[in-house]
Amino acid sequence: DEGSFGAALASLTDLNGDGTRELAVGVPNFSGFDLEVPAAGRVVVYSMAPAFPQPAIAYITSAGADTNPFTTSSVGGDRFGAAVADAGDLTG
């Protein structure tokens, strides 16, 4: 269910090295495109570079991160993406 797109938003530290921040968008009710995993959820990450809006740079689920837009967690009910936040620079 893409109806929850934007349920949580966060401005993130520059993740891809382009000199601009990224935007994390939570989609906690995402169930996959075939609705095979109810409310698994995911987070979509967009670059905030000057040519915004740009295609998503990552799709993150409880199973990990991928650049494939069809990535879905295998665990229903996770509601991954219900909350998002910037963890800061993790690599120093």
N, C-alpha and C. Protein backbone atom coordinates (compact mmCIF):
# COMPACT_ATOMS: atom_id res chain seq x y z
N ASP A 1 0.85 -1.18 0.00
CA ASP A 1 0.00 0.00 0.00
C ASP A 1 0.89 1.23 0.00
N GLU A 2 0.96 1.92 -1.11
CA GLU A 2 1.78 3.12 -1.19
C GLU A 2 1.08 4.31 -0.52
N GLY A 3 -0.09 4.11 0.05
CA GLY A 3 -0.81 5.19 0.71
C GLY A 3 -0.07 5.74 1.92
N SER A 4 0.89 5.00 2.43
CA SER A 4 1.64 5.48 3.58
C SER A 4 2.96 6.15 3.18
N PHE A 5 3.19 6.34 1.88
CA PHE A 5 4.42 6.99 1.41
C PHE A 5 4.55 8.36 2.06
N GLY A 6 5.66 8.59 2.73
CA GLY A 6 5.87 9.87 3.41
C GLY A 6 5.39 9.89 4.84
N ALA A 7 5.06 8.73 5.39
CA ALA A 7 4.61 8.68 6.79
C ALA A 7 5.69 9.20 7.73
N ALA A 8 6.94 9.06 7.33
CA ALA A 8 8.07 9.58 8.11
C ALA A 8 9.08 10.16 7.12
N LEU A 9 9.66 11.30 7.46
CA LEU A 9 10.64 11.97 6.61
C LEU A 9 11.84 12.36 7.45
N ALA A 10 13.04 12.31 6.84
CA ALA A 10 14.23 12.79 7.53
C ALA A 10 15.25 13.27 6.51
N SER A 11 15.89 14.38 6.81
CA SER A 11 17.00 14.87 6.03
C SER A 11 18.24 14.14 6.53
N LEU A 12 18.99 13.53 5.61
CA LEU A 12 20.14 12.71 5.98
C LEU A 12 21.46 13.36 5.60
N THR A 13 22.50 13.01 6.33
CA THR A 13 23.86 13.37 5.98
C THR A 13 24.14 12.88 4.56
N ASP A 14 25.03 13.56 3.83
CA ASP A 14 25.38 13.16 2.47
C ASP A 14 25.85 11.71 2.45
N LEU A 15 25.07 10.84 1.81
CA LEU A 15 25.40 9.41 1.78
C LEU A 15 26.17 8.99 0.54
N ASN A 16 25.98 9.71 -0.56
CA ASN A 16 26.58 9.26 -1.82
C ASN A 16 27.74 10.13 -2.29
N GLY A 17 28.19 11.07 -1.45
CA GLY A 17 29.37 11.85 -1.75
C GLY A 17 29.20 12.93 -2.80
N ASP A 18 27.95 13.34 -3.08
CA ASP A 18 27.74 14.39 -4.08
C ASP A 18 27.72 15.79 -3.48
N GLY A 19 27.95 15.88 -2.17
CA GLY A 19 28.02 17.18 -1.51
C GLY A 19 26.69 17.72 -1.03
N THR A 20 25.61 16.98 -1.22
CA THR A 20 24.30 17.42 -0.74
C THR A 20 23.69 16.34 0.15
N ARG A 21 22.76 16.78 0.97
CA ARG A 21 22.08 15.86 1.87
C ARG A 21 21.12 14.97 1.08
N GLU A 22 20.68 13.90 1.70
CA GLU A 22 19.69 13.01 1.12
C GLU A 22 18.38 13.12 1.91
N LEU A 23 17.31 12.61 1.33
CA LEU A 23 16.00 12.61 1.97
C LEU A 23 15.54 11.16 2.12
N ALA A 24 15.21 10.77 3.35
CA ALA A 24 14.67 9.44 3.62
C ALA A 24 13.16 9.56 3.75
N VAL A 25 12.45 8.71 3.03
CA VAL A 25 10.99 8.70 3.04
C VAL A 25 10.51 7.34 3.52
N GLY A 26 9.81 7.31 4.64
CA GLY A 26 9.29 6.06 5.18
C GLY A 26 7.99 5.66 4.51
N VAL A 27 7.87 4.35 4.24
CA VAL A 27 6.65 3.79 3.64
C VAL A 27 6.29 2.54 4.46
N PRO A 28 5.78 2.73 5.69
CA PRO A 28 5.60 1.59 6.59
C PRO A 28 4.56 0.56 6.16
N ASN A 29 3.63 0.92 5.31
CA ASN A 29 2.62 -0.06 4.88
C ASN A 29 2.96 -0.72 3.54
N PHE A 30 4.18 -0.49 3.02
CA PHE A 30 4.56 -1.10 1.75
C PHE A 30 4.50 -2.62 1.88
N SER A 31 3.80 -3.26 0.96
CA SER A 31 3.60 -4.70 1.01
C SER A 31 4.18 -5.41 -0.20
N GLY A 32 5.00 -4.73 -0.97
CA GLY A 32 5.50 -5.32 -2.20
C GLY A 32 4.53 -5.02 -3.32
N PHE A 33 5.00 -5.17 -4.53
CA PHE A 33 4.16 -4.82 -5.67
C PHE A 33 3.08 -5.85 -5.95
N ASP A 34 3.25 -7.05 -5.42
CA ASP A 34 2.22 -8.08 -5.56
C ASP A 34 1.45 -8.27 -4.25
N LEU A 35 1.67 -7.36 -3.31
CA LEU A 35 1.03 -7.39 -1.99
C LEU A 35 1.31 -8.70 -1.26
N GLU A 36 2.51 -9.28 -1.54
CA GLU A 36 2.84 -10.58 -0.98
C GLU A 36 3.29 -10.55 0.47
N VAL A 37 3.71 -9.40 0.98
CA VAL A 37 4.21 -9.31 2.36
C VAL A 37 3.52 -8.13 3.04
N PRO A 38 2.35 -8.33 3.64
CA PRO A 38 1.57 -7.22 4.19
C PRO A 38 2.34 -6.38 5.21
N ALA A 39 2.34 -5.07 4.98
CA ALA A 39 2.92 -4.08 5.89
C ALA A 39 4.36 -4.39 6.28
N ALA A 40 5.16 -4.89 5.34
CA ALA A 40 6.58 -5.11 5.62
C ALA A 40 7.28 -3.77 5.78
N GLY A 41 6.91 -2.81 4.93
CA GLY A 41 7.48 -1.47 5.00
C GLY A 41 8.83 -1.35 4.33
N ARG A 42 9.21 -0.10 4.05
CA ARG A 42 10.54 0.18 3.51
C ARG A 42 10.81 1.67 3.63
N VAL A 43 12.06 2.06 3.38
CA VAL A 43 12.48 3.44 3.33
C VAL A 43 13.08 3.67 1.95
N VAL A 44 12.69 4.76 1.31
CA VAL A 44 13.23 5.13 0.01
C VAL A 44 14.11 6.35 0.22
N VAL A 45 15.34 6.33 -0.33
CA VAL A 45 16.29 7.42 -0.15
C VAL A 45 16.47 8.15 -1.47
N TYR A 46 16.30 9.47 -1.43
CA TYR A 46 16.45 10.33 -2.60
C TYR A 46 17.60 11.30 -2.39
N SER A 47 18.31 11.62 -3.46
CA SER A 47 19.34 12.66 -3.41
C SER A 47 18.66 14.02 -3.46
N MET A 48 19.18 14.97 -2.72
CA MET A 48 18.65 16.33 -2.73
C MET A 48 19.53 17.24 -3.61
N ALA A 49 20.26 16.64 -4.56
CA ALA A 49 21.12 17.40 -5.47
C ALA A 49 20.28 18.41 -6.24
N PRO A 50 20.91 19.45 -6.81
CA PRO A 50 20.18 20.53 -7.47
C PRO A 50 19.17 20.09 -8.53
N ALA A 51 19.38 18.95 -9.14
CA ALA A 51 18.45 18.47 -10.15
C ALA A 51 17.27 17.72 -9.54
N PHE A 52 17.01 17.98 -8.25
CA PHE A 52 15.90 17.32 -7.54
C PHE A 52 14.58 17.61 -8.24
N PRO A 53 13.64 16.72 -8.41
CA PRO A 53 13.71 15.36 -7.86
C PRO A 53 14.47 14.42 -8.78
N GLN A 54 15.21 13.55 -8.17
CA GLN A 54 15.97 12.54 -8.90
C GLN A 54 15.41 11.17 -8.55
N PRO A 55 15.75 10.17 -9.36
CA PRO A 55 15.31 8.81 -9.00
C PRO A 55 15.88 8.41 -7.65
N ALA A 56 15.20 7.52 -6.98
CA ALA A 56 15.68 7.04 -5.68
C ALA A 56 17.07 6.43 -5.83
N ILE A 57 17.90 6.63 -4.82
CA ILE A 57 19.25 6.06 -4.86
C ILE A 57 19.34 4.77 -4.05
N ALA A 58 18.36 4.49 -3.19
CA ALA A 58 18.37 3.25 -2.41
C ALA A 58 16.97 2.93 -1.91
N TYR A 59 16.72 1.64 -1.76
CA TYR A 59 15.49 1.13 -1.16
C TYR A 59 15.93 0.27 0.01
N ILE A 60 15.47 0.59 1.22
CA ILE A 60 15.94 -0.09 2.41
C ILE A 60 14.77 -0.79 3.09
N THR A 61 14.96 -2.06 3.42
CA THR A 61 13.96 -2.84 4.15
C THR A 61 14.63 -3.44 5.37
N SER A 62 13.88 -4.17 6.17
CA SER A 62 14.48 -4.83 7.33
C SER A 62 15.45 -5.92 6.89
N ALA A 63 15.41 -6.30 5.62
CA ALA A 63 16.33 -7.31 5.08
C ALA A 63 17.64 -6.69 4.58
N GLY A 64 17.71 -5.36 4.46
CA GLY A 64 18.92 -4.70 3.99
C GLY A 64 18.61 -3.62 2.97
N ALA A 65 19.66 -3.13 2.30
CA ALA A 65 19.51 -2.04 1.32
C ALA A 65 19.81 -2.56 -0.08
N ASP A 66 19.17 -1.92 -1.07
CA ASP A 66 19.35 -2.34 -2.46
C ASP A 66 19.01 -1.16 -3.34
N THR A 67 19.45 -1.19 -4.58
CA THR A 67 19.06 -0.17 -5.55
C THR A 67 17.91 -0.66 -6.42
N ASN A 68 17.43 -1.85 -6.16
CA ASN A 68 16.32 -2.44 -6.91
C ASN A 68 15.00 -1.96 -6.31
N PRO A 69 14.15 -1.27 -7.09
CA PRO A 69 12.90 -0.76 -6.54
C PRO A 69 11.91 -1.85 -6.14
N PHE A 70 12.18 -3.09 -6.53
CA PHE A 70 11.27 -4.19 -6.19
C PHE A 70 11.68 -4.91 -4.92
N THR A 71 12.71 -4.40 -4.23
CA THR A 71 13.17 -5.01 -2.98
C THR A 71 12.07 -4.94 -1.94
N THR A 72 11.77 -6.06 -1.32
CA THR A 72 10.75 -6.15 -0.29
C THR A 72 11.27 -6.99 0.86
N SER A 73 10.97 -6.61 2.06
CA SER A 73 11.31 -7.42 3.23
C SER A 73 10.51 -8.70 3.17
N SER A 74 11.03 -9.75 3.77
CA SER A 74 10.31 -11.01 3.79
C SER A 74 9.46 -11.17 5.04
N VAL A 75 9.44 -10.14 5.89
CA VAL A 75 8.71 -10.24 7.15
C VAL A 75 7.54 -9.28 7.16
N GLY A 76 6.33 -9.81 7.07
CA GLY A 76 5.13 -8.99 7.11
C GLY A 76 4.92 -8.40 8.50
N GLY A 77 4.31 -7.25 8.55
CA GLY A 77 3.99 -6.61 9.81
C GLY A 77 5.12 -5.82 10.44
N ASP A 78 6.30 -5.80 9.81
CA ASP A 78 7.42 -5.04 10.35
C ASP A 78 7.14 -3.55 10.42
N ARG A 79 6.40 -3.03 9.43
CA ARG A 79 6.14 -1.60 9.29
C ARG A 79 7.45 -0.82 9.29
N PHE A 80 8.47 -1.41 8.65
CA PHE A 80 9.77 -0.76 8.52
C PHE A 80 9.58 0.58 7.84
N GLY A 81 10.15 1.63 8.38
CA GLY A 81 9.99 2.97 7.83
C GLY A 81 8.95 3.80 8.55
N ALA A 82 8.35 3.26 9.60
CA ALA A 82 7.37 4.03 10.37
C ALA A 82 8.03 5.24 11.02
N ALA A 83 9.33 5.13 11.28
CA ALA A 83 10.12 6.25 11.81
C ALA A 83 11.47 6.22 11.13
N VAL A 84 11.98 7.39 10.78
CA VAL A 84 13.31 7.51 10.18
C VAL A 84 14.04 8.67 10.84
N ALA A 85 15.37 8.58 10.88
CA ALA A 85 16.19 9.63 11.48
C ALA A 85 17.59 9.58 10.89
N ASP A 86 18.28 10.68 10.97
CA ASP A 86 19.67 10.76 10.49
C ASP A 86 20.59 10.24 11.60
N ALA A 87 21.38 9.23 11.27
CA ALA A 87 22.33 8.68 12.24
C ALA A 87 23.66 9.40 12.19
N GLY A 88 23.81 10.35 11.27
CA GLY A 88 25.06 11.08 11.15
C GLY A 88 26.10 10.33 10.34
N ASP A 89 27.32 10.81 10.38
CA ASP A 89 28.43 10.20 9.64
C ASP A 89 28.88 8.94 10.38
N LEU A 90 28.65 7.79 9.77
CA LEU A 90 29.00 6.52 10.42
C LEU A 90 30.40 6.03 10.08
N THR A 91 31.03 6.65 9.08
CA THR A 91 32.34 6.18 8.65
C THR A 91 33.47 7.12 9.08
N GLY A 92 33.12 8.21 9.72
CA GLY A 92 34.12 9.11 10.25
C GLY A 92 34.68 10.01 9.21
